[in-house]
C-alpha atoms as a PDB file:
ATOM      1  CA  MET A   1       0.000   0.000   0.000  1.00  0.00           C
ATOM      2  CA  LYS A   2       1.340   3.432  -0.972  1.00  0.00           C
ATOM      3  CA  ASP A   3       1.689   6.228   1.516  1.00  0.00           C
ATOM      4  CA  ASN A   4      -0.124   9.271   0.094  1.00  0.00           C
ATOM      5  CA  ASN A   5       1.855  11.693   2.278  1.00  0.00           C
ATOM      6  CA  SER A   6       5.158  10.917   0.547  1.00  0.00           C
ATOM      7  CA  THR A   7       4.046  12.136  -2.892  1.00  0.00           C
ATOM      8  CA  PRO A   8       3.437  15.820  -1.991  1.00  0.00           C
ATOM      9  CA  SER A   9       6.541  15.803   0.180  1.00  0.00           C
ATOM     10  CA  LYS A  10       8.691  14.610  -2.728  1.00  0.00           C
ATOM     11  CA  LYS A  11       7.191  17.268  -4.976  1.00  0.00           C
ATOM     12  CA  TYR A  12       7.912  20.038  -2.461  1.00  0.00           C
ATOM     13  CA  MET A  13      11.460  18.778  -1.992  1.00  0.00           C
ATOM     14  CA  ARG A  14      11.970  18.810  -5.771  1.00  0.00           C
ATOM     15  CA  LEU A  15      10.665  22.383  -5.988  1.00  0.00           C
ATOM     16  CA  PHE A  16      12.942  23.400  -3.126  1.00  0.00           C
ATOM     17  CA  ALA A  17      15.905  21.818  -4.919  1.00  0.00           C
ATOM     18  CA  ILE A  18      15.080  23.693  -8.126  1.00  0.00           C
ATOM     19  CA  SER A  19      14.854  27.052  -6.340  1.00  0.00           C
ATOM     20  CA  SER A  20      18.074  26.364  -4.427  1.00  0.00           C
ATOM     21  CA  GLN A  21      19.849  25.485  -7.656  1.00  0.00           C
ATOM     22  CA  LEU A  22      18.728  28.770  -9.246  1.00  0.00           C
ATOM     23  CA  THR A  23      19.934  30.748  -6.239  1.00  0.00           C
ATOM     24  CA  ALA A  24      23.264  28.914  -6.071  1.00  0.00           C
ATOM     25  CA  THR A  25      23.900  29.413  -9.795  1.00  0.00           C
ATOM     26  CA  ILE A  26      23.339  33.167  -9.636  1.00  0.00           C
ATOM     27  CA  PHE A  27      25.299  33.573  -6.412  1.00  0.00           C
ATOM     28  CA  GLY A  28      28.160  31.421  -7.671  1.00  0.00           C
ATOM     29  CA  PHE A  29      28.566  33.361 -10.892  1.00  0.00           C
ATOM     30  CA  ALA A  30      28.353  36.683  -9.024  1.00  0.00           C
ATOM     31  CA  LEU A  31      31.083  35.492  -6.657  1.00  0.00           C
ATOM     32  CA  LEU A  32      33.201  34.368  -9.609  1.00  0.00           C
ATOM     33  CA  GLY A  33      32.804  37.778 -11.249  1.00  0.00           C
ATOM     34  CA  TYR A  34      33.718  39.540  -8.034  1.00  0.00           C
ATOM     35  CA  GLY A  35      36.829  37.407  -7.739  1.00  0.00           C
ATOM     36  CA  LEU A  36      37.845  38.225 -11.303  1.00  0.00           C
ATOM     37  CA  ASP A  37      37.337  41.949 -10.665  1.00  0.00           C
ATOM     38  CA  TYR A  38      39.507  41.701  -7.576  1.00  0.00           C
ATOM     39  CA  TYR A  39      42.197  39.609  -9.304  1.00  0.00           C
ATOM     40  CA  PHE A  40      42.512  41.881 -12.354  1.00  0.00           C
ATOM     41  CA  GLU A  41      42.071  45.060 -10.243  1.00  0.00           C
ATOM     42  CA  VAL A  42      39.313  46.455 -12.448  1.00  0.00           C
ATOM     43  CA  GLU A  43      37.959  49.825 -11.306  1.00  0.00           C
ATOM     44  CA  LYS A  44      34.415  49.155 -12.459  1.00  0.00           C
ATOM     45  CA  ASN A  45      32.687  45.861 -11.702  1.00  0.00           C
ATOM     46  CA  TYR A  46      32.416  44.634 -15.276  1.00  0.00           C
ATOM     47  CA  PHE A  47      33.211  41.005 -14.499  1.00  0.00           C
ATOM     48  CA  THR A  48      30.736  40.960 -11.623  1.00  0.00           C
ATOM     49  CA  LEU A  49      27.989  42.385 -13.803  1.00  0.00           C
ATOM     50  CA  GLY A  50      28.710  40.092 -16.740  1.00  0.00           C
ATOM     51  CA  ALA A  51      29.058  36.950 -14.652  1.00  0.00           C
ATOM     52  CA  THR A  52      25.890  37.725 -12.694  1.00  0.00           C
ATOM     53  CA  LEU A  53      23.905  38.198 -15.888  1.00  0.00           C
ATOM     54  CA  LEU A  54      25.349  34.970 -17.264  1.00  0.00           C
ATOM     55  CA  GLY A  55      24.354  33.239 -14.019  1.00  0.00           C
ATOM     56  CA  VAL A  56      20.811  34.571 -14.293  1.00  0.00           C
ATOM     57  CA  PHE A  57      20.424  33.366 -17.875  1.00  0.00           C
ATOM     58  CA  LEU A  58      21.953  29.958 -17.164  1.00  0.00           C
ATOM     59  CA  GLY A  59      19.888  29.623 -13.998  1.00  0.00           C
ATOM     60  CA  LEU A  60      16.680  30.425 -15.841  1.00  0.00           C
ATOM     61  CA  TYR A  61      17.562  27.947 -18.578  1.00  0.00           C
ATOM     62  CA  VAL A  62      18.145  25.183 -16.026  1.00  0.00           C
ATOM     63  CA  LEU A  63      14.941  26.199 -14.236  1.00  0.00           C
ATOM     64  CA  TYR A  64      13.024  25.894 -17.510  1.00  0.00           C
ATOM     65  CA  GLN A  65      14.492  22.440 -18.152  1.00  0.00           C
ATOM     66  CA  ASP A  66      13.652  21.224 -14.648  1.00  0.00           C
ATOM     67  CA  VAL A  67      10.090  22.540 -14.749  1.00  0.00           C
ATOM     68  CA  LYS A  68       9.632  20.894 -18.138  1.00  0.00           C
ATOM     69  CA  LYS A  69      10.714  17.588 -16.577  1.00  0.00           C
ATOM     70  CA  LEU A  70       8.227  18.086 -13.737  1.00  0.00           C
ATOM     71  CA  ASP A  71       5.411  18.542 -16.241  1.00  0.00           C
ATOM     72  CA  ASN A  72       6.053  15.103 -17.741  1.00  0.00           C
END
C-alpha cells in the first residue's frame, strides 16, 4: 500500500531543490565575477555584472528544463 503523504513531500522537496539550484547558480557566478574583478584590479565591476547576468540566464535555462521535466 502506498503512503499518500510521501508524494506531496517529494514534490515540495523537488521544488525546493530547483529554487536552491537557481539561487546557487546566480550567487556562484556573481562570486566568480567579483573574484575576477579583484584579481585583475578592475575599477568598475564589469566582471561581476557580466558573470551575474550569465548566471541569471543559465539559472533560468536550467529552471526551464527542470520545470519541463516536472510537467512530464
